[in-house]
Amino acid sequence: MRNSSKVLFSSVAVLGLSFLSAGAQMSEAATHGKATFDSKCAICHSADTTDKKIGPGLKGLYARGVMADGTTKVTDETVTDRIMNGKVPMPPFKDQLKPVEITEVVEYLKTL
């Protein structure tokens, strides 16, 4: 009986770890969004810190719940609007990025 308990515990532990590693993987949209972010956004924004470059660092943006202005709530809609229309000093990207690319960047930002 003790051996079967060890096997059961080991199986549950391995299964649990596999779920953790699966959760760490980005969706396809977020992966594409990271590539777009790296090529279009990273010059002004950090993804791995909240420190300001030219624009605010975006690590934990969705967890913080508010934009750098301290009042605008972080939602898919407000982040999309900020990317599309900009806000001084950030330029608008609606003419530089396709709608799907903006959506993918938003998905990536959720992973930070």
PDB file of N, CA and C in Angstrom:
ATOM      1  N   MET A   1       0.820  -1.200   0.000  1.00  0.00           N
ATOM      2  CA  MET A   1       0.000   0.000   0.000  1.00  0.00           C
ATOM      3  C   MET A   1       0.861   1.261   0.000  1.00  0.00           C
ATOM      4  N   ARG A   2       1.972   1.207   0.728  1.00  0.00           N
ATOM      5  CA  ARG A   2       2.830   2.377   0.803  1.00  0.00           C
ATOM      6  C   ARG A   2       3.446   2.686  -0.555  1.00  0.00           C
ATOM      7  N   ASN A   3       3.834   1.660  -1.326  1.00  0.00           N
ATOM      8  CA  ASN A   3       4.411   1.877  -2.650  1.00  0.00           C
ATOM      9  C   ASN A   3       3.393   2.505  -3.594  1.00  0.00           C
ATOM     10  N   SER A   4       2.149   2.066  -3.514  1.00  0.00           N
ATOM     11  CA  SER A   4       1.138   2.646  -4.400  1.00  0.00           C
ATOM     12  C   SER A   4       0.877   4.107  -4.040  1.00  0.00           C
ATOM     13  N   SER A   5       0.997   4.458  -2.770  1.00  0.00           N
ATOM     14  CA  SER A   5       0.850   5.858  -2.368  1.00  0.00           C
ATOM     15  C   SER A   5       1.983   6.702  -2.926  1.00  0.00           C
ATOM     16  N   LYS A   6       3.202   6.151  -2.919  1.00  0.00           N
ATOM     17  CA  LYS A   6       4.349   6.871  -3.472  1.00  0.00           C
ATOM     18  C   LYS A   6       4.185   7.079  -4.971  1.00  0.00           C
ATOM     19  N   VAL A   7       3.703   6.041  -5.656  1.00  0.00           N
ATOM     20  CA  VAL A   7       3.497   6.144  -7.099  1.00  0.00           C
ATOM     21  C   VAL A   7       2.429   7.190  -7.394  1.00  0.00           C
ATOM     22  N   LEU A   8       1.352   7.162  -6.644  1.00  0.00           N
ATOM     23  CA  LEU A   8       0.279   8.132  -6.837  1.00  0.00           C
ATOM     24  C   LEU A   8       0.785   9.552  -6.584  1.00  0.00           C
ATOM     25  N   PHE A   9       1.520   9.752  -5.483  1.00  0.00           N
ATOM     26  CA  PHE A   9       2.057  11.073  -5.173  1.00  0.00           C
ATOM     27  C   PHE A   9       3.001  11.544  -6.273  1.00  0.00           C
ATOM     28  N   SER A  10       3.867  10.657  -6.736  1.00  0.00           N
ATOM     29  CA  SER A  10       4.813  11.015  -7.799  1.00  0.00           C
ATOM     30  C   SER A  10       4.077  11.390  -9.078  1.00  0.00           C
ATOM     31  N   SER A  11       3.048  10.634  -9.407  1.00  0.00           N
ATOM     32  CA  SER A  11       2.278  10.921 -10.619  1.00  0.00           C
ATOM     33  C   SER A  11       1.592  12.279 -10.531  1.00  0.00           C
ATOM     34  N   VAL A  12       1.020  12.568  -9.384  1.00  0.00           N
ATOM     35  CA  VAL A  12       0.347  13.851  -9.193  1.00  0.00           C
ATOM     36  C   VAL A  12       1.363  14.991  -9.262  1.00  0.00           C
ATOM     37  N   ALA A  13       2.535  14.797  -8.662  1.00  0.00           N
ATOM     38  CA  ALA A  13       3.571  15.835  -8.685  1.00  0.00           C
ATOM     39  C   ALA A  13       4.039  16.104 -10.109  1.00  0.00           C
ATOM     40  N   VAL A  14       4.276  15.057 -10.880  1.00  0.00           N
ATOM     41  CA  VAL A  14       4.721  15.226 -12.265  1.00  0.00           C
ATOM     42  C   VAL A  14       3.639  15.912 -13.084  1.00  0.00           C
ATOM     43  N   LEU A  15       2.406  15.497 -12.908  1.00  0.00           N
ATOM     44  CA  LEU A  15       1.297  16.112 -13.626  1.00  0.00           C
ATOM     45  C   LEU A  15       1.178  17.595 -13.267  1.00  0.00           C
ATOM     46  N   GLY A  16       1.308  17.911 -11.990  1.00  0.00           N
ATOM     47  CA  GLY A  16       1.239  19.305 -11.558  1.00  0.00           C
ATOM     48  C   GLY A  16       2.350  20.143 -12.159  1.00  0.00           C
ATOM     49  N   LEU A  17       3.555  19.605 -12.207  1.00  0.00           N
ATOM     50  CA  LEU A  17       4.678  20.332 -12.797  1.00  0.00           C
ATOM     51  C   LEU A  17       4.482  20.539 -14.287  1.00  0.00           C
ATOM     52  N   SER A  18       3.878  19.569 -14.962  1.00  0.00           N
ATOM     53  CA  SER A  18       3.651  19.738 -16.397  1.00  0.00           C
ATOM     54  C   SER A  18       2.651  20.866 -16.654  1.00  0.00           C
ATOM     55  N   PHE A  19       1.657  21.021 -15.778  1.00  0.00           N
ATOM     56  CA  PHE A  19       0.726  22.139 -15.925  1.00  0.00           C
ATOM     57  C   PHE A  19       1.424  23.472 -15.690  1.00  0.00           C
ATOM     58  N   LEU A  20       2.335  23.513 -14.721  1.00  0.00           N
ATOM     59  CA  LEU A  20       3.068  24.751 -14.463  1.00  0.00           C
ATOM     60  C   LEU A  20       3.908  25.151 -15.659  1.00  0.00           C
ATOM     61  N   SER A  21       4.591  24.197 -16.258  1.00  0.00           N
ATOM     62  CA  SER A  21       5.426  24.541 -17.406  1.00  0.00           C
ATOM     63  C   SER A  21       4.570  24.910 -18.608  1.00  0.00           C
ATOM     64  N   ALA A  22       3.417  24.287 -18.754  1.00  0.00           N
ATOM     65  CA  ALA A  22       2.525  24.639 -19.860  1.00  0.00           C
ATOM     66  C   ALA A  22       2.001  26.059 -19.683  1.00  0.00           C
ATOM     67  N   GLY A  23       1.744  26.465 -18.438  1.00  0.00           N
ATOM     68  CA  GLY A  23       1.260  27.807 -18.174  1.00  0.00           C
ATOM     69  C   GLY A  23       2.303  28.869 -18.460  1.00  0.00           C
ATOM     70  N   ALA A  24       3.567  28.484 -18.416  1.00  0.00           N
ATOM     71  CA  ALA A  24       4.644  29.438 -18.653  1.00  0.00           C
ATOM     72  C   ALA A  24       4.830  29.717 -20.140  1.00  0.00           C
ATOM     73  N   GLN A  25       4.260  28.886 -20.989  1.00  0.00           N
ATOM     74  CA  GLN A  25       4.393  29.086 -22.427  1.00  0.00           C
ATOM     75  C   GLN A  25       3.425  30.168 -22.885  1.00  0.00           C
ATOM     76  N   MET A  26       3.886  30.964 -23.844  1.00  0.00           N
ATOM     77  CA  MET A  26       3.025  32.008 -24.394  1.00  0.00           C
ATOM     78  C   MET A  26       2.147  31.434 -25.497  1.00  0.00           C
ATOM     79  N   SER A  27       0.990  32.034 -25.656  1.00  0.00           N
ATOM     80  CA  SER A  27       0.125  31.679 -26.774  1.00  0.00           C
ATOM     81  C   SER A  27       0.812  32.094 -28.070  1.00  0.00           C
ATOM     82  N   GLU A  28       0.311  31.577 -29.167  1.00  0.00           N
ATOM     83  CA  GLU A  28       0.871  31.945 -30.472  1.00  0.00           C
ATOM     84  C   GLU A  28       0.736  33.452 -30.703  1.00  0.00           C
ATOM     85  N   ALA A  29      -0.414  34.002 -30.320  1.00  0.00           N
ATOM     86  CA  ALA A  29      -0.630  35.446 -30.492  1.00  0.00           C
ATOM     87  C   ALA A  29       0.380  36.243 -29.670  1.00  0.00           C
ATOM     88  N   ALA A  30       0.612  35.831 -28.425  1.00  0.00           N
ATOM     89  CA  ALA A  30       1.571  36.537 -27.572  1.00  0.00           C
ATOM     90  C   ALA A  30       2.990  36.410 -28.112  1.00  0.00           C
ATOM     91  N   THR A  31       3.319  35.255 -28.670  1.00  0.00           N
ATOM     92  CA  THR A  31       4.645  35.061 -29.267  1.00  0.00           C
ATOM     93  C   THR A  31       4.842  36.012 -30.442  1.00  0.00           C
ATOM     94  N   HIS A  32       3.826  36.124 -31.286  1.00  0.00           N
ATOM     95  CA  HIS A  32       3.887  37.075 -32.406  1.00  0.00           C
ATOM     96  C   HIS A  32       3.958  38.510 -31.872  1.00  0.00           C
ATOM     97  N   GLY A  33       3.195  38.768 -30.814  1.00  0.00           N
ATOM     98  CA  GLY A  33       3.199  40.095 -30.208  1.00  0.00           C
ATOM     99  C   GLY A  33       4.557  40.473 -29.642  1.00  0.00           C
ATOM    100  N   LYS A  34       5.257  39.493 -29.077  1.00  0.00           N
ATOM    101  CA  LYS A  34       6.609  39.752 -28.566  1.00  0.00           C
ATOM    102  C   LYS A  34       7.538  40.173 -29.700  1.00  0.00           C
ATOM    103  N   ALA A  35       7.437  39.488 -30.832  1.00  0.00           N
ATOM    104  CA  ALA A  35       8.279  39.839 -31.980  1.00  0.00           C
ATOM    105  C   ALA A  35       7.986  41.269 -32.444  1.00  0.00           C
ATOM    106  N   THR A  36       6.713  41.627 -32.494  1.00  0.00           N
ATOM    107  CA  THR A  36       6.343  42.990 -32.887  1.00  0.00           C
ATOM    108  C   THR A  36       6.829  43.989 -31.845  1.00  0.00           C
ATOM    109  N   PHE A  37       6.628  43.658 -30.573  1.00  0.00           N
ATOM    110  CA  PHE A  37       7.090  44.534 -29.495  1.00  0.00           C
ATOM    111  C   PHE A  37       8.595  44.760 -29.607  1.00  0.00           C
ATOM    112  N   ASP A  38       9.337  43.677 -29.794  1.00  0.00           N
ATOM    113  CA  ASP A  38      10.798  43.782 -29.880  1.00  0.00           C
ATOM    114  C   ASP A  38      11.242  44.677 -31.033  1.00  0.00           C
ATOM    115  N   SER A  39      10.503  44.637 -32.142  1.00  0.00           N
ATOM    116  CA  SER A  39      10.924  45.422 -33.309  1.00  0.00           C
ATOM    117  C   SER A  39      10.359  46.843 -33.331  1.00  0.00           C
ATOM    118  N   LYS A  40       9.214  47.062 -32.697  1.00  0.00           N
ATOM    119  CA  LYS A  40       8.553  48.373 -32.804  1.00  0.00           C
ATOM    120  C   LYS A  40       8.457  49.148 -31.486  1.00  0.00           C
ATOM    121  N   CYS A  41       8.457  48.449 -30.368  1.00  0.00           N
ATOM    122  CA  CYS A  41       8.161  49.101 -29.086  1.00  0.00           C
ATOM    123  C   CYS A  41       9.349  49.161 -28.131  1.00  0.00           C
ATOM    124  N   ALA A  42      10.237  48.158 -28.233  1.00  0.00           N
ATOM    125  CA  ALA A  42      11.315  48.021 -27.249  1.00  0.00           C
ATOM    126  C   ALA A  42      12.317  49.167 -27.284  1.00  0.00           C
ATOM    127  N   ILE A  43      12.341  49.924 -28.356  1.00  0.00           N
ATOM    128  CA  ILE A  43      13.252  51.067 -28.397  1.00  0.00           C
ATOM    129  C   ILE A  43      12.873  52.103 -27.329  1.00  0.00           C
ATOM    130  N   CYS A  44      11.592  52.171 -26.990  1.00  0.00           N
ATOM    131  CA  CYS A  44      11.117  53.146 -26.000  1.00  0.00           C
ATOM    132  C   CYS A  44      10.642  52.515 -24.694  1.00  0.00           C
ATOM    133  N   HIS A  45      10.241  51.238 -24.732  1.00  0.00           N
ATOM    134  CA  HIS A  45       9.651  50.581 -23.563  1.00  0.00           C
ATOM    135  C   HIS A  45      10.419  49.320 -23.195  1.00  0.00           C
ATOM    136  N   SER A  46      10.653  49.131 -21.893  1.00  0.00           N
ATOM    137  CA  SER A  46      11.236  47.889 -21.388  1.00  0.00           C
ATOM    138  C   SER A  46      10.118  46.893 -21.118  1.00  0.00           C
ATOM    139  N   ALA A  47      10.391  45.632 -21.401  1.00  0.00           N
ATOM    140  CA  ALA A  47       9.427  44.579 -21.094  1.00  0.00           C
ATOM    141  C   ALA A  47       9.762  43.892 -19.777  1.00  0.00           C
ATOM    142  N   ASP A  48      10.991  44.036 -19.313  1.00  0.00           N
ATOM    143  CA  ASP A  48      11.434  43.287 -18.140  1.00  0.00           C
ATOM    144  C   ASP A  48      11.628  44.143 -16.888  1.00  0.00           C
ATOM    145  N   THR A  49      11.169  45.376 -16.928  1.00  0.00           N
ATOM    146  CA  THR A  49      11.276  46.266 -15.775  1.00  0.00           C
ATOM    147  C   THR A  49      10.178  47.330 -15.856  1.00  0.00           C
ATOM    148  N   THR A  50       9.958  47.997 -14.752  1.00  0.00           N
ATOM    149  CA  THR A  50       9.024  49.127 -14.751  1.00  0.00           C
ATOM    150  C   THR A  50       9.766  50.447 -14.931  1.00  0.00           C
ATOM    151  N   ASP A  51      11.090  50.364 -15.037  1.00  0.00           N
ATOM    152  CA  ASP A  51      11.895  51.576 -15.217  1.00  0.00           C
ATOM    153  C   ASP A  51      11.582  52.239 -16.552  1.00  0.00           C
ATOM    154  N   LYS A  52      11.615  53.554 -16.534  1.00  0.00           N
ATOM    155  CA  LYS A  52      11.336  54.329 -17.738  1.00  0.00           C
ATOM    156  C   LYS A  52      12.551  54.346 -18.653  1.00  0.00           C
ATOM    157  N   LYS A  53      12.318  54.130 -19.936  1.00  0.00           N
ATOM    158  CA  LYS A  53      13.315  54.392 -20.977  1.00  0.00           C
ATOM    159  C   LYS A  53      12.920  55.761 -21.524  1.00  0.00           C
ATOM    160  N   ILE A  54      12.319  55.769 -22.690  1.00  0.00           N
ATOM    161  CA  ILE A  54      11.672  56.982 -23.202  1.00  0.00           C
ATOM    162  C   ILE A  54      10.227  56.973 -22.715  1.00  0.00           C
ATOM    163  N   GLY A  55       9.610  55.790 -22.827  1.00  0.00           N
ATOM    164  CA  GLY A  55       8.274  55.563 -22.291  1.00  0.00           C
ATOM    165  C   GLY A  55       8.384  54.661 -21.071  1.00  0.00           C
ATOM    166  N   PRO A  56       7.288  54.419 -20.384  1.00  0.00           N
ATOM    167  CA  PRO A  56       7.331  53.616 -19.161  1.00  0.00           C
ATOM    168  C   PRO A  56       7.693  52.163 -19.431  1.00  0.00           C
ATOM    169  N   GLY A  57       8.351  51.547 -18.439  1.00  0.00           N
ATOM    170  CA  GLY A  57       8.568  50.105 -18.483  1.00  0.00           C
ATOM    171  C   GLY A  57       7.229  49.409 -18.321  1.00  0.00           C
ATOM    172  N   LEU A  58       7.046  48.307 -19.025  1.00  0.00           N
ATOM    173  CA  LEU A  58       5.718  47.689 -19.084  1.00  0.00           C
ATOM    174  C   LEU A  58       5.604  46.376 -18.319  1.00  0.00           C
ATOM    175  N   LYS A  59       6.645  45.983 -17.608  1.00  0.00           N
ATOM    176  CA  LYS A  59       6.557  44.755 -16.818  1.00  0.00           C
ATOM    177  C   LYS A  59       5.429  44.904 -15.799  1.00  0.00           C
ATOM    178  N   GLY A  60       4.544  43.908 -15.769  1.00  0.00           N
ATOM    179  CA  GLY A  60       3.448  43.915 -14.813  1.00  0.00           C
ATOM    180  C   GLY A  60       2.352  44.926 -15.102  1.00  0.00           C
ATOM    181  N   LEU A  61       2.274  45.396 -16.341  1.00  0.00           N
ATOM    182  CA  LEU A  61       1.275  46.411 -16.691  1.00  0.00           C
ATOM    183  C   LEU A  61      -0.131  45.984 -16.284  1.00  0.00           C
ATOM    184  N   TYR A  62      -0.534  44.783 -16.673  1.00  0.00           N
ATOM    185  CA  TYR A  62      -1.891  44.324 -16.359  1.00  0.00           C
ATOM    186  C   TYR A  62      -2.059  44.070 -14.866  1.00  0.00           C
ATOM    187  N   ALA A  63      -1.006  43.623 -14.194  1.00  0.00           N
ATOM    188  CA  ALA A  63      -1.082  43.395 -12.749  1.00  0.00           C
ATOM    189  C   ALA A  63      -1.226  44.715 -11.990  1.00  0.00           C
ATOM    190  N   ARG A  64      -0.572  45.766 -12.475  1.00  0.00           N
ATOM    191  CA  ARG A  64      -0.680  47.083 -11.825  1.00  0.00           C
ATOM    192  C   ARG A  64      -2.090  47.641 -11.955  1.00  0.00           C
ATOM    193  N   GLY A  65      -2.698  47.420 -13.105  1.00  0.00           N
ATOM    194  CA  GLY A  65      -4.080  47.841 -13.293  1.00  0.00           C
ATOM    195  C   GLY A  65      -4.289  49.266 -13.757  1.00  0.00           C
ATOM    196  N   VAL A  66      -3.247  50.100 -13.716  1.00  0.00           N
ATOM    197  CA  VAL A  66      -3.358  51.472 -14.212  1.00  0.00           C
ATOM    198  C   VAL A  66      -2.155  51.796 -15.086  1.00  0.00           C
ATOM    199  N   MET A  67      -2.401  52.673 -16.052  1.00  0.00           N
ATOM    200  CA  MET A  67      -1.329  53.121 -16.942  1.00  0.00           C
ATOM    201  C   MET A  67      -0.376  54.033 -16.166  1.00  0.00           C
ATOM    202  N   ALA A  68       0.702  54.431 -16.822  1.00  0.00           N
ATOM    203  CA  ALA A  68       1.725  55.270 -16.190  1.00  0.00           C
ATOM    204  C   ALA A  68       1.166  56.607 -15.703  1.00  0.00           C
ATOM    205  N   ASP A  69       0.041  57.049 -16.281  1.00  0.00           N
ATOM    206  CA  ASP A  69      -0.549  58.318 -15.830  1.00  0.00           C
ATOM    207  C   ASP A  69      -1.189  58.198 -14.452  1.00  0.00           C
ATOM    208  N   GLY A  70      -1.324  56.951 -13.970  1.00  0.00           N
ATOM    209  CA  GLY A  70      -1.863  56.715 -12.634  1.00  0.00           C
ATOM    210  C   GLY A  70      -3.368  56.725 -12.529  1.00  0.00           C
ATOM    211  N   THR A  71      -4.068  57.011 -13.622  1.00  0.00           N
ATOM    212  CA  THR A  71      -5.528  57.075 -13.565  1.00  0.00           C
ATOM    213  C   THR A  71      -6.223  56.190 -14.593  1.00  0.00           C
ATOM    214  N   THR A  72      -5.621  56.014 -15.760  1.00  0.00           N
ATOM    215  CA  THR A  72      -6.268  55.228 -16.813  1.00  0.00           C
ATOM    216  C   THR A  72      -6.179  53.749 -16.479  1.00  0.00           C
ATOM    217  N   LYS A  73      -7.354  53.095 -16.390  1.00  0.00           N
ATOM    218  CA  LYS A  73      -7.380  51.663 -16.100  1.00  0.00           C
ATOM    219  C   LYS A  73      -6.789  50.877 -17.258  1.00  0.00           C
ATOM    220  N   VAL A  74      -6.081  49.823 -16.915  1.00  0.00           N
ATOM    221  CA  VAL A  74      -5.513  48.942 -17.932  1.00  0.00           C
ATOM    222  C   VAL A  74      -6.564  47.907 -18.309  1.00  0.00           C
ATOM    223  N   THR A  75      -7.047  48.013 -19.528  1.00  0.00           N
ATOM    224  CA  THR A  75      -7.946  47.020 -20.108  1.00  0.00           C
ATOM    225  C   THR A  75      -7.453  46.775 -21.526  1.00  0.00           C
ATOM    226  N   ASP A  76      -7.938  45.728 -22.141  1.00  0.00           N
ATOM    227  CA  ASP A  76      -7.559  45.489 -23.536  1.00  0.00           C
ATOM    228  C   ASP A  76      -7.906  46.700 -24.394  1.00  0.00           C
ATOM    229  N   GLU A  77      -9.044  47.313 -24.104  1.00  0.00           N
ATOM    230  CA  GLU A  77      -9.499  48.450 -24.896  1.00  0.00           C
ATOM    231  C   GLU A  77      -8.594  49.669 -24.710  1.00  0.00           C
ATOM    232  N   THR A  78      -8.230  49.977 -23.458  1.00  0.00           N
ATOM    233  CA  THR A  78      -7.403  51.167 -23.236  1.00  0.00           C
ATOM    234  C   THR A  78      -5.980  50.967 -23.753  1.00  0.00           C
ATOM    235  N   VAL A  79      -5.460  49.752 -23.626  1.00  0.00           N
ATOM    236  CA  VAL A  79      -4.114  49.482 -24.142  1.00  0.00           C
ATOM    237  C   VAL A  79      -4.126  49.543 -25.669  1.00  0.00           C
ATOM    238  N   THR A  80      -5.143  48.955 -26.281  1.00  0.00           N
ATOM    239  CA  THR A  80      -5.277  49.008 -27.740  1.00  0.00           C
ATOM    240  C   THR A  80      -5.384  50.452 -28.210  1.00  0.00           C
ATOM    241  N   ASP A  81      -6.206  51.239 -27.529  1.00  0.00           N
ATOM    242  CA  ASP A  81      -6.362  52.649 -27.890  1.00  0.00           C
ATOM    243  C   ASP A  81      -5.038  53.397 -27.774  1.00  0.00           C
ATOM    244  N   ARG A  82      -4.275  53.123 -26.719  1.00  0.00           N
ATOM    245  CA  ARG A  82      -2.995  53.811 -26.529  1.00  0.00           C
ATOM    246  C   ARG A  82      -2.018  53.450 -27.644  1.00  0.00           C
ATOM    247  N   ILE A  83      -2.002  52.180 -28.039  1.00  0.00           N
ATOM    248  CA  ILE A  83      -1.111  51.769 -29.125  1.00  0.00           C
ATOM    249  C   ILE A  83      -1.556  52.422 -30.435  1.00  0.00           C
ATOM    250  N   MET A  84      -2.845  52.386 -30.704  1.00  0.00           N
ATOM    251  CA  MET A  84      -3.350  52.929 -31.965  1.00  0.00           C
ATOM    252  C   MET A  84      -3.190  54.445 -32.056  1.00  0.00           C
ATOM    253  N   ASN A  85      -3.574  55.142 -31.003  1.00  0.00           N
ATOM    254  CA  ASN A  85      -3.666  56.600 -31.058  1.00  0.00           C
ATOM    255  C   ASN A  85      -2.537  57.338 -30.350  1.00  0.00           C
ATOM    256  N   GLY A  86      -1.744  56.606 -29.569  1.00  0.00           N
ATOM    257  CA  GLY A  86      -0.642  57.229 -28.855  1.00  0.00           C
ATOM    258  C   GLY A  86      -1.112  58.197 -27.792  1.00  0.00           C
ATOM    259  N   LYS A  87      -0.160  58.793 -27.116  1.00  0.00           N
ATOM    260  CA  LYS A  87      -0.393  59.863 -26.144  1.00  0.00           C
ATOM    261  C   LYS A  87       0.979  60.466 -25.895  1.00  0.00           C
ATOM    262  N   VAL A  88       1.108  61.748 -26.080  1.00  0.00           N
ATOM    263  CA  VAL A  88       2.410  62.422 -26.023  1.00  0.00           C
ATOM    264  C   VAL A  88       3.197  61.920 -24.814  1.00  0.00           C
ATOM    265  N   PRO A  89       4.417  61.463 -25.023  1.00  0.00           N
ATOM    266  CA  PRO A  89       5.238  61.556 -26.226  1.00  0.00           C
ATOM    267  C   PRO A  89       5.122  60.356 -27.166  1.00  0.00           C
ATOM    268  N   MET A  90       4.252  59.398 -26.858  1.00  0.00           N
ATOM    269  CA  MET A  90       4.142  58.203 -27.706  1.00  0.00           C
ATOM    270  C   MET A  90       3.373  58.517 -28.983  1.00  0.00           C
ATOM    271  N   PRO A  91       3.956  58.171 -30.127  1.00  0.00           N
ATOM    272  CA  PRO A  91       3.251  58.399 -31.387  1.00  0.00           C
ATOM    273  C   PRO A  91       2.184  57.325 -31.620  1.00  0.00           C
ATOM    274  N   PRO A  92       1.211  57.605 -32.452  1.00  0.00           N
ATOM    275  CA  PRO A  92       0.222  56.581 -32.806  1.00  0.00           C
ATOM    276  C   PRO A  92       0.844  55.527 -33.718  1.00  0.00           C
ATOM    277  N   PHE A  93       0.375  54.300 -33.564  1.00  0.00           N
ATOM    278  CA  PHE A  93       0.871  53.209 -34.399  1.00  0.00           C
ATOM    279  C   PHE A  93      -0.213  52.614 -35.291  1.00  0.00           C
ATOM    280  N   LYS A  94      -1.384  53.258 -35.355  1.00  0.00           N
ATOM    281  CA  LYS A  94      -2.478  52.705 -36.153  1.00  0.00           C
ATOM    282  C   LYS A  94      -2.143  52.611 -37.632  1.00  0.00           C
ATOM    283  N   ASP A  95      -1.240  53.441 -38.121  1.00  0.00           N
ATOM    284  CA  ASP A  95      -0.847  53.382 -39.530  1.00  0.00           C
ATOM    285  C   ASP A  95       0.410  52.545 -39.756  1.00  0.00           C
ATOM    286  N   GLN A  96       1.036  52.106 -38.676  1.00  0.00           N
ATOM    287  CA  GLN A  96       2.264  51.319 -38.789  1.00  0.00           C
ATOM    288  C   GLN A  96       2.058  49.840 -38.484  1.00  0.00           C
ATOM    289  N   LEU A  97       1.016  49.537 -37.725  1.00  0.00           N
ATOM    290  CA  LEU A  97       0.732  48.155 -37.349  1.00  0.00           C
ATOM    291  C   LEU A  97      -0.654  47.756 -37.831  1.00  0.00           C
ATOM    292  N   LYS A  98      -0.777  46.514 -38.256  1.00  0.00           N
ATOM    293  CA  LYS A  98      -2.081  45.969 -38.626  1.00  0.00           C
ATOM    294  C   LYS A  98      -2.879  45.725 -37.345  1.00  0.00           C
ATOM    295  N   PRO A  99      -4.205  45.729 -37.431  1.00  0.00           N
ATOM    296  CA  PRO A  99      -5.016  45.459 -36.238  1.00  0.00           C
ATOM    297  C   PRO A  99      -4.637  44.154 -35.536  1.00  0.00           C
ATOM    298  N   VAL A 100      -4.352  43.114 -36.300  1.00  0.00           N
ATOM    299  CA  VAL A 100      -3.982  41.844 -35.680  1.00  0.00           C
ATOM    300  C   VAL A 100      -2.657  41.968 -34.929  1.00  0.00           C
ATOM    301  N   GLU A 101      -1.734  42.769 -35.435  1.00  0.00           N
ATOM    302  CA  GLU A 101      -0.454  42.964 -34.742  1.00  0.00           C
ATOM    303  C   GLU A 101      -0.660  43.697 -33.419  1.00  0.00           C
ATOM    304  N   ILE A 102      -1.561  44.654 -33.409  1.00  0.00           N
ATOM    305  CA  ILE A 102      -1.866  45.373 -32.170  1.00  0.00           C
ATOM    306  C   ILE A 102      -2.476  44.415 -31.156  1.00  0.00           C
ATOM    307  N   THR A 103      -3.406  43.589 -31.603  1.00  0.00           N
ATOM    308  CA  THR A 103      -4.014  42.592 -30.721  1.00  0.00           C
ATOM    309  C   THR A 103      -2.958  41.653 -30.163  1.00  0.00           C
ATOM    310  N   GLU A 104      -2.016  41.246 -30.996  1.00  0.00           N
ATOM    311  CA  GLU A 104      -0.947  40.345 -30.548  1.00  0.00           C
ATOM    312  C   GLU A 104      -0.027  41.027 -29.537  1.00  0.00           C
ATOM    313  N   VAL A 105       0.267  42.300 -29.741  1.00  0.00           N
ATOM    314  CA  VAL A 105       1.085  43.033 -28.764  1.00  0.00           C
ATOM    315  C   VAL A 105       0.349  43.098 -27.425  1.00  0.00           C
ATOM    316  N   VAL A 106      -0.947  43.347 -27.457  1.00  0.00           N
ATOM    317  CA  VAL A 106      -1.741  43.373 -26.227  1.00  0.00           C
ATOM    318  C   VAL A 106      -1.657  42.019 -25.530  1.00  0.00           C
ATOM    319  N   GLU A 107      -1.777  40.942 -26.281  1.00  0.00           N
ATOM    320  CA  GLU A 107      -1.668  39.600 -25.691  1.00  0.00           C
ATOM    321  C   GLU A 107      -0.293  39.396 -25.060  1.00  0.00           C
ATOM    322  N   TYR A 108       0.744  39.880 -25.708  1.00  0.00           N
ATOM    323  CA  TYR A 108       2.093  39.779 -25.149  1.00  0.00           C
ATOM    324  C   TYR A 108       2.209  40.594 -23.859  1.00  0.00           C
ATOM    325  N   LEU A 109       1.683  41.806 -23.858  1.00  0.00           N
ATOM    326  CA  LEU A 109       1.776  42.648 -22.670  1.00  0.00           C
ATOM    327  C   LEU A 109       1.123  41.990 -21.462  1.00  0.00           C
ATOM    328  N   LYS A 110       0.115  41.182 -21.683  1.00  0.00           N
ATOM    329  CA  LYS A 110      -0.544  40.464 -20.585  1.00  0.00           C
ATOM    330  C   LYS A 110       0.388  39.452 -19.928  1.00  0.00           C
ATOM    331  N   THR A 111       1.425  39.021 -20.652  1.00  0.00           N
ATOM    332  CA  THR A 111       2.342  38.010 -20.105  1.00  0.00           C
ATOM    333  C   THR A 111       3.459  38.625 -19.271  1.00  0.00           C
ATOM    334  N   LEU A 112       3.585  39.927 -19.304  1.00  0.00           N
ATOM    335  CA  LEU A 112       4.707  40.577 -18.613  1.00  0.00           C
ATOM    336  C   LEU A 112       4.465  40.687 -17.117  1.00  0.00           C
TER     337      LEU A 112
END
